[in-house]
Amino acid sequence: MGTGWLPWSAASLASGAVLLVLAALTLPPTSEVGQVVGTVRREDAAWLMASAAFFLASVALTMGLPAILTLIPAKQQVVGLVGVWIWSIGTIGTSALAAFLILFRATVRVIDISPTDVEQLGQDPVMTLSLLFVFGAFYLGELVVALVLLLASRLPRWIPALLLVHIAAAPVNHLLPEQLQGVQAVVLGGGLMALAVRSTEAWAALRAPATR
């Protein structure tokens, strides 16, 4: 199998990282479920932009994750592949999050929904389990890949460390001030961008002997 796909996958990974950060920073922050309805009505354009960015990030990240495999040594390829597959379930599921945001916006604009209704919706077991599955797959796959990259010693340690910081910040991110809650996404975006650059460098190194 050739390597012509690698720069395209790396570019897709970088694009997905930028789109994910854009979505996280554009989505109006809210610390309480009851504030969501008012946020949708006041900042409709930002809500739409965040939804579109989440969907495009889902597509780009899913296409970009295979580029990470080129950074994993042969001995850890199986574990790395498992991590990428699990992570891809989470990235694909991000498109479902985008669809939910669009559907919720349409519901708020058509139906007179109250904050109490939103809180009851958030307690729905099907929705809760679905979101837990998507986020769980995203973080679990990211954790496996980060640990493999950290142990492989082929990358600067700060790159997989950014992924681990992103995971570690997940349980406490909602406790931060609203202005700082986007930092977690920025950390992930930085790690993914670095991985995209390193995979492109690996591709260039493979091509160098052939061009001499």
N, C-alpha and C. Protein backbone atom coordinates (compact mmCIF):
# COMPACT_ATOMS: atom_id res chain seq x y z
N MET A 1 0.85 -1.20 0.00
CA MET A 1 0.00 0.00 0.00
C MET A 1 0.88 1.24 0.00
N GLY A 2 0.59 2.20 -0.88
CA GLY A 2 1.38 3.40 -0.98
C GLY A 2 1.11 4.37 0.16
N THR A 3 1.85 5.45 0.11
CA THR A 3 1.72 6.47 1.16
C THR A 3 1.13 7.77 0.62
N GLY A 4 0.59 7.73 -0.60
CA GLY A 4 0.03 8.95 -1.17
C GLY A 4 -1.13 9.52 -0.39
N TRP A 5 -1.79 8.66 0.38
CA TRP A 5 -2.94 9.12 1.18
C TRP A 5 -2.52 9.89 2.42
N LEU A 6 -1.26 9.71 2.85
CA LEU A 6 -0.84 10.22 4.15
C LEU A 6 -0.92 11.74 4.26
N PRO A 7 -0.40 12.53 3.29
CA PRO A 7 -0.51 13.98 3.46
C PRO A 7 -1.95 14.47 3.48
N TRP A 8 -2.83 13.78 2.74
CA TRP A 8 -4.24 14.17 2.75
C TRP A 8 -4.86 13.87 4.11
N SER A 9 -4.51 12.73 4.68
CA SER A 9 -5.02 12.38 6.00
C SER A 9 -4.49 13.34 7.07
N ALA A 10 -3.21 13.69 6.96
CA ALA A 10 -2.64 14.64 7.93
C ALA A 10 -3.29 16.01 7.81
N ALA A 11 -3.53 16.45 6.57
CA ALA A 11 -4.21 17.73 6.38
C ALA A 11 -5.62 17.70 6.93
N SER A 12 -6.29 16.55 6.77
CA SER A 12 -7.63 16.40 7.32
C SER A 12 -7.61 16.44 8.85
N LEU A 13 -6.57 15.82 9.44
CA LEU A 13 -6.44 15.84 10.90
C LEU A 13 -6.24 17.26 11.40
N ALA A 14 -5.39 18.03 10.71
CA ALA A 14 -5.15 19.42 11.10
C ALA A 14 -6.43 20.25 10.95
N SER A 15 -7.15 20.04 9.85
CA SER A 15 -8.40 20.77 9.63
C SER A 15 -9.43 20.43 10.70
N GLY A 16 -9.51 19.14 11.04
CA GLY A 16 -10.44 18.74 12.09
C GLY A 16 -10.11 19.34 13.43
N ALA A 17 -8.81 19.48 13.72
CA ALA A 17 -8.40 20.08 14.98
C ALA A 17 -8.85 21.55 15.04
N VAL A 18 -8.66 22.27 13.93
CA VAL A 18 -9.07 23.68 13.89
C VAL A 18 -10.58 23.81 14.02
N LEU A 19 -11.31 22.95 13.32
CA LEU A 19 -12.78 23.01 13.36
C LEU A 19 -13.31 22.65 14.74
N LEU A 20 -12.66 21.71 15.41
CA LEU A 20 -13.11 21.32 16.75
C LEU A 20 -12.91 22.47 17.74
N VAL A 21 -11.77 23.14 17.64
CA VAL A 21 -11.53 24.30 18.50
C VAL A 21 -12.53 25.41 18.18
N LEU A 22 -12.78 25.65 16.89
CA LEU A 22 -13.75 26.67 16.49
C LEU A 22 -15.12 26.36 17.05
N ALA A 23 -15.54 25.09 16.97
CA ALA A 23 -16.85 24.71 17.49
C ALA A 23 -16.94 24.93 18.99
N ALA A 24 -15.90 24.52 19.71
CA ALA A 24 -15.91 24.65 21.17
C ALA A 24 -15.92 26.12 21.61
N LEU A 25 -15.19 26.96 20.88
CA LEU A 25 -15.12 28.37 21.26
C LEU A 25 -16.34 29.16 20.79
N THR A 26 -17.00 28.67 19.73
CA THR A 26 -18.17 29.36 19.20
C THR A 26 -19.43 29.01 19.96
N LEU A 27 -19.52 27.77 20.42
CA LEU A 27 -20.71 27.35 21.16
C LEU A 27 -20.87 28.22 22.39
N PRO A 28 -21.98 28.92 22.52
CA PRO A 28 -22.17 29.82 23.67
C PRO A 28 -22.03 29.07 24.99
N PRO A 29 -21.14 29.50 25.86
CA PRO A 29 -20.96 28.79 27.13
C PRO A 29 -22.15 28.99 28.06
N THR A 30 -22.46 27.97 28.80
CA THR A 30 -23.53 28.06 29.78
C THR A 30 -23.22 27.10 30.91
N SER A 31 -23.39 27.55 32.12
CA SER A 31 -23.06 26.73 33.28
C SER A 31 -24.27 26.00 33.84
N GLU A 32 -25.48 26.35 33.39
CA GLU A 32 -26.69 25.73 33.90
C GLU A 32 -27.57 25.27 32.73
N VAL A 33 -28.21 24.13 32.91
CA VAL A 33 -29.08 23.60 31.86
C VAL A 33 -30.21 24.56 31.56
N GLY A 34 -30.73 25.21 32.58
CA GLY A 34 -31.84 26.12 32.39
C GLY A 34 -31.52 27.33 31.55
N GLN A 35 -30.24 27.65 31.37
CA GLN A 35 -29.84 28.80 30.57
C GLN A 35 -29.73 28.49 29.09
N VAL A 36 -29.83 27.21 28.74
CA VAL A 36 -29.59 26.81 27.36
C VAL A 36 -30.62 27.43 26.42
N VAL A 37 -31.90 27.42 26.81
CA VAL A 37 -32.96 27.94 25.96
C VAL A 37 -32.71 29.42 25.63
N GLY A 38 -32.40 30.19 26.65
CA GLY A 38 -32.13 31.60 26.42
C GLY A 38 -30.90 31.81 25.54
N THR A 39 -29.90 30.95 25.71
CA THR A 39 -28.69 31.06 24.90
C THR A 39 -28.99 30.81 23.43
N VAL A 40 -29.80 29.80 23.14
CA VAL A 40 -30.16 29.49 21.76
C VAL A 40 -30.90 30.67 21.12
N ARG A 41 -31.80 31.27 21.87
CA ARG A 41 -32.60 32.37 21.32
C ARG A 41 -31.79 33.64 21.14
N ARG A 42 -30.84 33.89 22.03
CA ARG A 42 -30.05 35.13 21.94
C ARG A 42 -28.91 35.01 20.94
N GLU A 43 -28.31 33.84 20.84
CA GLU A 43 -27.12 33.67 20.01
C GLU A 43 -27.34 32.57 18.97
N ASP A 44 -28.36 32.78 18.17
CA ASP A 44 -28.75 31.77 17.19
C ASP A 44 -27.65 31.51 16.16
N ALA A 45 -27.02 32.57 15.66
CA ALA A 45 -25.98 32.41 14.63
C ALA A 45 -24.78 31.62 15.17
N ALA A 46 -24.39 31.93 16.41
CA ALA A 46 -23.27 31.22 17.01
C ALA A 46 -23.60 29.74 17.21
N TRP A 47 -24.84 29.46 17.58
CA TRP A 47 -25.27 28.06 17.77
C TRP A 47 -25.20 27.30 16.45
N LEU A 48 -25.65 27.94 15.37
CA LEU A 48 -25.61 27.30 14.05
C LEU A 48 -24.16 27.06 13.60
N MET A 49 -23.31 28.06 13.82
CA MET A 49 -21.91 27.92 13.41
C MET A 49 -21.23 26.80 14.18
N ALA A 50 -21.50 26.71 15.47
CA ALA A 50 -20.92 25.64 16.28
C ALA A 50 -21.39 24.27 15.81
N SER A 51 -22.66 24.16 15.47
CA SER A 51 -23.21 22.89 14.98
C SER A 51 -22.53 22.46 13.69
N ALA A 52 -22.39 23.41 12.75
CA ALA A 52 -21.74 23.11 11.48
C ALA A 52 -20.28 22.74 11.68
N ALA A 53 -19.60 23.44 12.59
CA ALA A 53 -18.19 23.16 12.85
C ALA A 53 -18.01 21.79 13.48
N PHE A 54 -18.91 21.39 14.38
CA PHE A 54 -18.83 20.06 14.98
C PHE A 54 -18.99 18.97 13.92
N PHE A 55 -19.93 19.18 12.98
CA PHE A 55 -20.14 18.18 11.93
C PHE A 55 -18.91 18.06 11.03
N LEU A 56 -18.38 19.19 10.58
CA LEU A 56 -17.20 19.17 9.71
C LEU A 56 -15.99 18.61 10.45
N ALA A 57 -15.87 18.92 11.73
CA ALA A 57 -14.77 18.37 12.53
C ALA A 57 -14.89 16.86 12.64
N SER A 58 -16.11 16.36 12.77
CA SER A 58 -16.32 14.91 12.83
C SER A 58 -15.80 14.23 11.58
N VAL A 59 -16.13 14.77 10.41
CA VAL A 59 -15.69 14.18 9.15
C VAL A 59 -14.17 14.28 9.02
N ALA A 60 -13.63 15.46 9.29
CA ALA A 60 -12.19 15.67 9.10
C ALA A 60 -11.35 14.83 10.07
N LEU A 61 -11.75 14.76 11.33
CA LEU A 61 -10.99 13.98 12.30
C LEU A 61 -11.04 12.49 11.98
N THR A 62 -12.20 12.00 11.56
CA THR A 62 -12.31 10.59 11.23
C THR A 62 -11.39 10.23 10.06
N MET A 63 -11.31 11.11 9.07
CA MET A 63 -10.42 10.87 7.94
C MET A 63 -8.95 11.09 8.30
N GLY A 64 -8.70 11.87 9.34
CA GLY A 64 -7.33 12.20 9.71
C GLY A 64 -6.68 11.27 10.70
N LEU A 65 -7.46 10.52 11.45
CA LEU A 65 -6.89 9.64 12.48
C LEU A 65 -5.92 8.60 11.92
N PRO A 66 -6.14 8.03 10.73
CA PRO A 66 -5.16 7.04 10.22
C PRO A 66 -3.74 7.59 10.09
N ALA A 67 -3.58 8.89 9.94
CA ALA A 67 -2.24 9.47 9.82
C ALA A 67 -1.43 9.24 11.09
N ILE A 68 -2.12 9.10 12.23
CA ILE A 68 -1.42 8.91 13.50
C ILE A 68 -0.71 7.56 13.52
N LEU A 69 -1.23 6.58 12.81
CA LEU A 69 -0.64 5.24 12.82
C LEU A 69 0.80 5.25 12.30
N THR A 70 1.14 6.20 11.45
CA THR A 70 2.51 6.26 10.91
C THR A 70 3.51 6.69 11.97
N LEU A 71 3.03 7.19 13.09
CA LEU A 71 3.91 7.64 14.16
C LEU A 71 4.11 6.57 15.23
N ILE A 72 3.45 5.43 15.06
CA ILE A 72 3.51 4.36 16.04
C ILE A 72 4.43 3.25 15.54
N PRO A 73 5.41 2.82 16.33
CA PRO A 73 6.31 1.74 15.90
C PRO A 73 5.56 0.45 15.62
N ALA A 74 6.19 -0.42 14.85
CA ALA A 74 5.55 -1.68 14.44
C ALA A 74 5.12 -2.53 15.63
N LYS A 75 5.91 -2.52 16.70
CA LYS A 75 5.60 -3.36 17.86
C LYS A 75 4.30 -2.94 18.54
N GLN A 76 3.97 -1.66 18.45
CA GLN A 76 2.75 -1.16 19.09
C GLN A 76 1.62 -0.90 18.10
N GLN A 77 1.78 -1.36 16.85
CA GLN A 77 0.79 -1.06 15.83
C GLN A 77 -0.59 -1.62 16.16
N VAL A 78 -0.63 -2.83 16.71
CA VAL A 78 -1.93 -3.45 17.00
C VAL A 78 -2.68 -2.65 18.05
N VAL A 79 -2.00 -2.30 19.13
CA VAL A 79 -2.63 -1.51 20.19
C VAL A 79 -3.01 -0.14 19.66
N GLY A 80 -2.11 0.45 18.87
CA GLY A 80 -2.41 1.75 18.29
C GLY A 80 -3.61 1.71 17.37
N LEU A 81 -3.71 0.65 16.58
CA LEU A 81 -4.85 0.50 15.67
C LEU A 81 -6.16 0.36 16.45
N VAL A 82 -6.13 -0.39 17.54
CA VAL A 82 -7.32 -0.52 18.38
C VAL A 82 -7.72 0.85 18.94
N GLY A 83 -6.73 1.61 19.41
CA GLY A 83 -7.02 2.93 19.93
C GLY A 83 -7.61 3.85 18.89
N VAL A 84 -7.08 3.80 17.68
CA VAL A 84 -7.60 4.65 16.60
C VAL A 84 -9.02 4.25 16.23
N TRP A 85 -9.30 2.95 16.21
CA TRP A 85 -10.65 2.50 15.90
C TRP A 85 -11.64 2.98 16.97
N ILE A 86 -11.26 2.84 18.23
CA ILE A 86 -12.15 3.31 19.30
C ILE A 86 -12.33 4.82 19.21
N TRP A 87 -11.24 5.53 18.97
CA TRP A 87 -11.30 6.99 18.86
C TRP A 87 -12.21 7.39 17.70
N SER A 88 -12.14 6.65 16.60
CA SER A 88 -12.95 6.98 15.43
C SER A 88 -14.45 6.84 15.72
N ILE A 89 -14.81 5.94 16.62
CA ILE A 89 -16.22 5.84 17.02
C ILE A 89 -16.67 7.15 17.66
N GLY A 90 -15.79 7.72 18.49
CA GLY A 90 -16.10 9.00 19.12
C GLY A 90 -16.15 10.15 18.13
N THR A 91 -15.22 10.15 17.17
CA THR A 91 -15.23 11.25 16.19
C THR A 91 -16.44 11.16 15.27
N ILE A 92 -16.82 9.94 14.88
CA ILE A 92 -18.03 9.78 14.08
C ILE A 92 -19.26 10.21 14.88
N GLY A 93 -19.26 9.86 16.16
CA GLY A 93 -20.38 10.24 17.02
C GLY A 93 -20.51 11.74 17.21
N THR A 94 -19.43 12.48 16.96
CA THR A 94 -19.49 13.93 17.08
C THR A 94 -20.48 14.52 16.09
N SER A 95 -20.66 13.86 14.94
CA SER A 95 -21.65 14.33 13.97
C SER A 95 -23.06 14.19 14.54
N ALA A 96 -23.28 13.18 15.37
CA ALA A 96 -24.58 13.03 16.03
C ALA A 96 -24.81 14.19 17.01
N LEU A 97 -23.74 14.63 17.67
CA LEU A 97 -23.84 15.78 18.55
C LEU A 97 -24.24 17.02 17.77
N ALA A 98 -23.65 17.19 16.58
CA ALA A 98 -24.00 18.33 15.73
C ALA A 98 -25.47 18.26 15.32
N ALA A 99 -25.94 17.06 14.98
CA ALA A 99 -27.34 16.89 14.58
C ALA A 99 -28.27 17.21 15.75
N PHE A 100 -27.87 16.80 16.95
CA PHE A 100 -28.69 17.09 18.13
C PHE A 100 -28.77 18.60 18.38
N LEU A 101 -27.66 19.30 18.20
CA LEU A 101 -27.68 20.75 18.40
C LEU A 101 -28.62 21.44 17.41
N ILE A 102 -28.60 20.98 16.15
CA ILE A 102 -29.49 21.55 15.15
C ILE A 102 -30.94 21.25 15.48
N LEU A 103 -31.20 20.00 15.88
CA LEU A 103 -32.57 19.61 16.23
C LEU A 103 -33.07 20.38 17.44
N PHE A 104 -32.20 20.56 18.44
CA PHE A 104 -32.60 21.31 19.63
C PHE A 104 -32.91 22.76 19.29
N ARG A 105 -32.09 23.36 18.42
CA ARG A 105 -32.34 24.75 17.99
C ARG A 105 -33.69 24.86 17.31
N ALA A 106 -33.98 23.92 16.40
CA ALA A 106 -35.26 23.96 15.69
C ALA A 106 -36.43 23.80 16.66
N THR A 107 -36.26 22.94 17.65
CA THR A 107 -37.32 22.72 18.64
C THR A 107 -37.59 23.99 19.45
N VAL A 108 -36.53 24.66 19.87
CA VAL A 108 -36.67 25.88 20.66
C VAL A 108 -37.36 26.98 19.86
N ARG A 109 -37.07 27.06 18.57
CA ARG A 109 -37.65 28.12 17.74
C ARG A 109 -39.10 27.84 17.37
N VAL A 110 -39.51 26.57 17.38
CA VAL A 110 -40.87 26.24 16.97
C VAL A 110 -41.79 26.03 18.16
N ILE A 111 -41.27 25.43 19.21
CA ILE A 111 -42.08 25.08 20.38
C ILE A 111 -41.68 25.96 21.56
N ASP A 112 -42.63 26.33 22.36
CA ASP A 112 -42.35 27.11 23.56
C ASP A 112 -41.86 26.17 24.66
N ILE A 113 -40.57 25.91 24.65
CA ILE A 113 -39.97 24.97 25.59
C ILE A 113 -39.40 25.74 26.78
N SER A 114 -39.54 25.18 27.96
CA SER A 114 -39.11 25.84 29.19
C SER A 114 -37.82 25.22 29.69
N PRO A 115 -37.10 25.93 30.58
CA PRO A 115 -35.90 25.35 31.18
C PRO A 115 -36.16 24.03 31.88
N THR A 116 -37.36 23.88 32.47
CA THR A 116 -37.70 22.61 33.13
C THR A 116 -37.75 21.47 32.12
N ASP A 117 -38.30 21.76 30.94
CA ASP A 117 -38.35 20.75 29.89
C ASP A 117 -36.94 20.33 29.47
N VAL A 118 -36.03 21.31 29.40
CA VAL A 118 -34.65 21.01 29.02
C VAL A 118 -34.00 20.12 30.07
N GLU A 119 -34.24 20.40 31.34
CA GLU A 119 -33.67 19.59 32.40
C GLU A 119 -34.20 18.15 32.35
N GLN A 120 -35.50 18.00 32.05
CA GLN A 120 -36.07 16.66 31.92
C GLN A 120 -35.49 15.93 30.72
N LEU A 121 -35.26 16.68 29.64
CA LEU A 121 -34.65 16.08 28.46
C LEU A 121 -33.23 15.60 28.76
N GLY A 122 -32.51 16.37 29.55
CA GLY A 122 -31.16 15.99 29.92
C GLY A 122 -31.10 14.76 30.80
N GLN A 123 -32.23 14.42 31.45
CA GLN A 123 -32.28 13.23 32.31
C GLN A 123 -32.80 12.00 31.57
N ASP A 124 -33.10 12.14 30.29
CA ASP A 124 -33.59 11.01 29.51
C ASP A 124 -32.49 9.95 29.43
N PRO A 125 -32.79 8.70 29.81
CA PRO A 125 -31.73 7.67 29.86
C PRO A 125 -31.14 7.35 28.49
N VAL A 126 -31.96 7.34 27.44
CA VAL A 126 -31.45 7.02 26.11
C VAL A 126 -30.45 8.06 25.66
N MET A 127 -30.80 9.34 25.84
CA MET A 127 -29.89 10.41 25.44
C MET A 127 -28.63 10.40 26.29
N THR A 128 -28.79 10.17 27.58
CA THR A 128 -27.63 10.15 28.47
C THR A 128 -26.67 9.03 28.10
N LEU A 129 -27.21 7.83 27.84
CA LEU A 129 -26.36 6.70 27.47
C LEU A 129 -25.70 6.92 26.12
N SER A 130 -26.42 7.54 25.21
CA SER A 130 -25.85 7.81 23.87
C SER A 130 -24.67 8.76 23.97
N LEU A 131 -24.85 9.84 24.73
CA LEU A 131 -23.77 10.81 24.89
C LEU A 131 -22.59 10.20 25.63
N LEU A 132 -22.88 9.39 26.65
CA LEU A 132 -21.79 8.74 27.38
C LEU A 132 -21.02 7.79 26.48
N PHE A 133 -21.72 7.10 25.59
CA PHE A 133 -21.06 6.19 24.66
C PHE A 133 -20.13 6.94 23.71
N VAL A 134 -20.63 8.06 23.15
CA VAL A 134 -19.83 8.84 22.21
C VAL A 134 -18.62 9.45 22.90
N PHE A 135 -18.85 10.13 24.01
CA PHE A 135 -17.73 10.76 24.71
C PHE A 135 -16.79 9.72 25.31
N GLY A 136 -17.35 8.62 25.80
CA GLY A 136 -16.51 7.57 26.34
C GLY A 136 -15.58 6.98 25.29
N ALA A 137 -16.11 6.73 24.08
CA ALA A 137 -15.28 6.20 23.00
C ALA A 137 -14.22 7.21 22.59
N PHE A 138 -14.59 8.48 22.55
CA PHE A 138 -13.63 9.53 22.16
C PHE A 138 -12.47 9.57 23.15
N TYR A 139 -12.79 9.65 24.43
CA TYR A 139 -11.73 9.78 25.44
C TYR A 139 -10.94 8.49 25.61
N LEU A 140 -11.60 7.33 25.52
CA LEU A 140 -10.89 6.07 25.67
C LEU A 140 -9.91 5.85 24.52
N GLY A 141 -10.38 6.10 23.29
CA GLY A 141 -9.48 5.97 22.15
C GLY A 141 -8.32 6.94 22.21
N GLU A 142 -8.63 8.16 22.61
CA GLU A 142 -7.56 9.16 22.76
C GLU A 142 -6.55 8.74 23.81
N LEU A 143 -7.04 8.16 24.91
CA LEU A 143 -6.15 7.71 25.99
C LEU A 143 -5.22 6.60 25.51
N VAL A 144 -5.77 5.62 24.81
CA VAL A 144 -4.95 4.51 24.31
C VAL A 144 -3.87 5.03 23.36
N VAL A 145 -4.27 5.89 22.43
CA VAL A 145 -3.31 6.44 21.46
C VAL A 145 -2.25 7.28 22.17
N ALA A 146 -2.67 8.09 23.13
CA ALA A 146 -1.71 8.95 23.84
C ALA A 146 -0.69 8.12 24.60
N LEU A 147 -1.14 7.05 25.27
CA LEU A 147 -0.21 6.21 26.03
C LEU A 147 0.76 5.47 25.10
N VAL A 148 0.25 4.99 23.96
CA VAL A 148 1.12 4.32 23.00
C VAL A 148 2.18 5.28 22.47
N LEU A 149 1.76 6.50 22.13
CA LEU A 149 2.72 7.49 21.63
C LEU A 149 3.72 7.89 22.71
N LEU A 150 3.27 7.94 23.95
CA LEU A 150 4.16 8.33 25.04
C LEU A 150 5.22 7.25 25.28
N LEU A 151 4.82 5.99 25.20
CA LEU A 151 5.75 4.88 25.45
C LEU A 151 6.64 4.58 24.24
N ALA A 152 6.19 5.00 23.06
CA ALA A 152 6.95 4.69 21.85
C ALA A 152 8.24 5.49 21.76
N SER A 153 8.30 6.65 22.38
CA SER A 153 9.50 7.50 22.42
C SER A 153 9.95 7.97 21.03
N ARG A 154 9.02 8.07 20.10
CA ARG A 154 9.37 8.57 18.78
C ARG A 154 8.96 10.03 18.59
N LEU A 155 8.24 10.54 19.57
CA LEU A 155 7.76 11.91 19.50
C LEU A 155 8.21 12.66 20.74
N PRO A 156 8.31 13.99 20.67
CA PRO A 156 8.53 14.76 21.89
C PRO A 156 7.42 14.46 22.90
N ARG A 157 7.77 14.32 24.14
CA ARG A 157 6.80 13.90 25.16
C ARG A 157 5.65 14.88 25.32
N TRP A 158 5.87 16.15 24.95
CA TRP A 158 4.81 17.14 25.18
C TRP A 158 3.60 16.92 24.27
N ILE A 159 3.81 16.21 23.15
CA ILE A 159 2.68 16.01 22.22
C ILE A 159 1.65 15.04 22.82
N PRO A 160 2.03 13.80 23.20
CA PRO A 160 1.03 12.96 23.86
C PRO A 160 0.61 13.52 25.21
N ALA A 161 1.49 14.31 25.85
CA ALA A 161 1.11 14.91 27.14
C ALA A 161 -0.07 15.85 26.98
N LEU A 162 -0.14 16.56 25.84
CA LEU A 162 -1.29 17.45 25.59
C LEU A 162 -2.59 16.65 25.53
N LEU A 163 -2.53 15.48 24.89
CA LEU A 163 -3.72 14.63 24.83
C LEU A 163 -4.13 14.16 26.22
N LEU A 164 -3.14 13.81 27.04
CA LEU A 164 -3.44 13.35 28.40
C LEU A 164 -4.00 14.49 29.26
N VAL A 165 -3.49 15.70 29.06
CA VAL A 165 -4.02 16.86 29.80
C VAL A 165 -5.47 17.11 29.40
N HIS A 166 -5.76 16.97 28.11
CA HIS A 166 -7.14 17.14 27.65
C HIS A 166 -8.07 16.14 28.32
N ILE A 167 -7.62 14.90 28.45
CA ILE A 167 -8.44 13.87 29.08
C ILE A 167 -8.61 14.16 30.58
N ALA A 168 -7.50 14.52 31.22
CA ALA A 168 -7.54 14.76 32.67
C ALA A 168 -8.42 15.95 33.03
N ALA A 169 -8.53 16.92 32.11
CA ALA A 169 -9.32 18.13 32.38
C ALA A 169 -10.82 17.91 32.20
N ALA A 170 -11.21 16.81 31.56
CA ALA A 170 -12.63 16.59 31.25
C ALA A 170 -13.54 16.60 32.48
N PRO A 171 -13.17 15.93 33.59
CA PRO A 171 -14.09 15.90 34.73
C PRO A 171 -14.25 17.24 35.43
N VAL A 172 -13.29 18.14 35.28
CA VAL A 172 -13.34 19.40 36.03
C VAL A 172 -13.53 20.61 35.13
N ASN A 173 -13.63 20.39 33.83
CA ASN A 173 -13.70 21.54 32.91
C ASN A 173 -14.94 22.40 33.18
N HIS A 174 -16.06 21.74 33.52
CA HIS A 174 -17.30 22.50 33.74
C HIS A 174 -17.24 23.35 35.01
N LEU A 175 -16.25 23.07 35.87
CA LEU A 175 -16.11 23.86 37.10
C LEU A 175 -15.34 25.14 36.88
N LEU A 176 -14.68 25.25 35.75
CA LEU A 176 -13.90 26.46 35.43
C LEU A 176 -14.83 27.60 35.06
N PRO A 177 -14.35 28.84 35.15
CA PRO A 177 -15.15 29.97 34.65
C PRO A 177 -15.48 29.76 33.18
N GLU A 178 -16.61 30.31 32.76
CA GLU A 178 -17.07 30.09 31.38
C GLU A 178 -16.04 30.54 30.36
N GLN A 179 -15.28 31.59 30.69
CA GLN A 179 -14.29 32.10 29.75
C GLN A 179 -13.11 31.16 29.56
N LEU A 180 -12.92 30.21 30.48
CA LEU A 180 -11.77 29.30 30.41
C LEU A 180 -12.15 27.89 29.99
N GLN A 181 -13.42 27.62 29.79
CA GLN A 181 -13.85 26.26 29.47
C GLN A 181 -13.40 25.83 28.08
N GLY A 182 -13.10 26.79 27.21
CA GLY A 182 -12.64 26.45 25.87
C GLY A 182 -11.18 26.05 25.81
N VAL A 183 -10.45 26.25 26.93
CA VAL A 183 -9.02 25.92 26.94
C VAL A 183 -8.81 24.43 26.72
N GLN A 184 -9.69 23.60 27.24
CA GLN A 184 -9.55 22.16 27.07
C GLN A 184 -9.53 21.79 25.59
N ALA A 185 -10.43 22.39 24.80
CA ALA A 185 -10.46 22.12 23.36
C ALA A 185 -9.21 22.64 22.68
N VAL A 186 -8.70 23.78 23.14
CA VAL A 186 -7.48 24.34 22.55
C VAL A 186 -6.29 23.41 22.78
N VAL A 187 -6.23 22.81 23.97
CA VAL A 187 -5.16 21.85 24.28
C VAL A 187 -5.23 20.66 23.34
N LEU A 188 -6.44 20.12 23.13
CA LEU A 188 -6.60 19.00 22.21
C LEU A 188 -6.23 19.41 20.79
N GLY A 189 -6.68 20.59 20.39
CA GLY A 189 -6.35 21.07 19.05
C GLY A 189 -4.86 21.20 18.83
N GLY A 190 -4.14 21.67 19.85
CA GLY A 190 -2.69 21.78 19.73
C GLY A 190 -2.02 20.42 19.58
N GLY A 191 -2.50 19.44 20.34
CA GLY A 191 -1.94 18.10 20.23
C GLY A 191 -2.20 17.46 18.87
N LEU A 192 -3.41 17.64 18.36
CA LEU A 192 -3.74 17.08 17.05
C LEU A 192 -2.97 17.76 15.93
N MET A 193 -2.80 19.08 16.03
CA MET A 193 -2.02 19.80 15.02
C MET A 193 -0.58 19.31 15.01
N ALA A 194 -0.03 19.10 16.20
CA ALA A 194 1.35 18.60 16.28
C ALA A 194 1.47 17.21 15.67
N LEU A 195 0.48 16.36 15.90
CA LEU A 195 0.49 15.02 15.32
C LEU A 195 0.40 15.10 13.79
N ALA A 196 -0.42 16.03 13.29
CA ALA A 196 -0.54 16.20 11.84
C ALA A 196 0.79 16.63 11.22
N VAL A 197 1.48 17.56 11.88
CA VAL A 197 2.78 18.02 11.38
C VAL A 197 3.79 16.89 11.39
N ARG A 198 3.83 16.14 12.48
CA ARG A 198 4.81 15.05 12.60
C ARG A 198 4.54 13.94 11.57
N SER A 199 3.28 13.64 11.31
CA SER A 199 2.98 12.61 10.32
C SER A 199 3.35 13.07 8.91
N THR A 200 3.20 14.36 8.64
CA THR A 200 3.62 14.90 7.35
C THR A 200 5.14 14.83 7.22
N GLU A 201 5.85 15.12 8.30
CA GLU A 201 7.31 15.01 8.27
C GLU A 201 7.74 13.56 8.05
N ALA A 202 7.01 12.61 8.65
CA ALA A 202 7.32 11.20 8.45
C ALA A 202 7.12 10.80 6.99
N TRP A 203 6.06 11.31 6.38
CA TRP A 203 5.80 11.03 4.96
C TRP A 203 6.90 11.60 4.08
N ALA A 204 7.33 12.83 4.39
CA ALA A 204 8.40 13.46 3.61
C ALA A 204 9.70 12.68 3.75
N ALA A 205 9.96 12.14 4.94
CA ALA A 205 11.18 11.36 5.14
C ALA A 205 11.14 10.06 4.35
N LEU A 206 9.96 9.46 4.22
CA LEU A 206 9.84 8.24 3.43
C LEU A 206 10.04 8.49 1.94
N ARG A 207 9.64 9.65 1.49
CA ARG A 207 9.76 9.97 0.07
C ARG A 207 11.14 10.45 -0.32
N ALA A 208 11.89 10.95 0.66
CA ALA A 208 13.20 11.54 0.35
C ALA A 208 14.13 10.58 -0.38
N PRO A 209 14.30 9.32 0.06
CA PRO A 209 15.20 8.43 -0.67
C PRO A 209 14.78 8.18 -2.11
N ALA A 210 13.44 8.16 -2.32
CA ALA A 210 12.94 7.85 -3.65
C ALA A 210 13.18 8.98 -4.63
N THR A 211 13.34 10.20 -4.15
CA THR A 211 13.51 11.35 -5.02
C THR A 211 14.96 11.67 -5.29
N ARG A 212 15.87 10.94 -4.67
CA ARG A 212 17.31 11.19 -4.88
C ARG A 212 17.81 10.47 -6.14
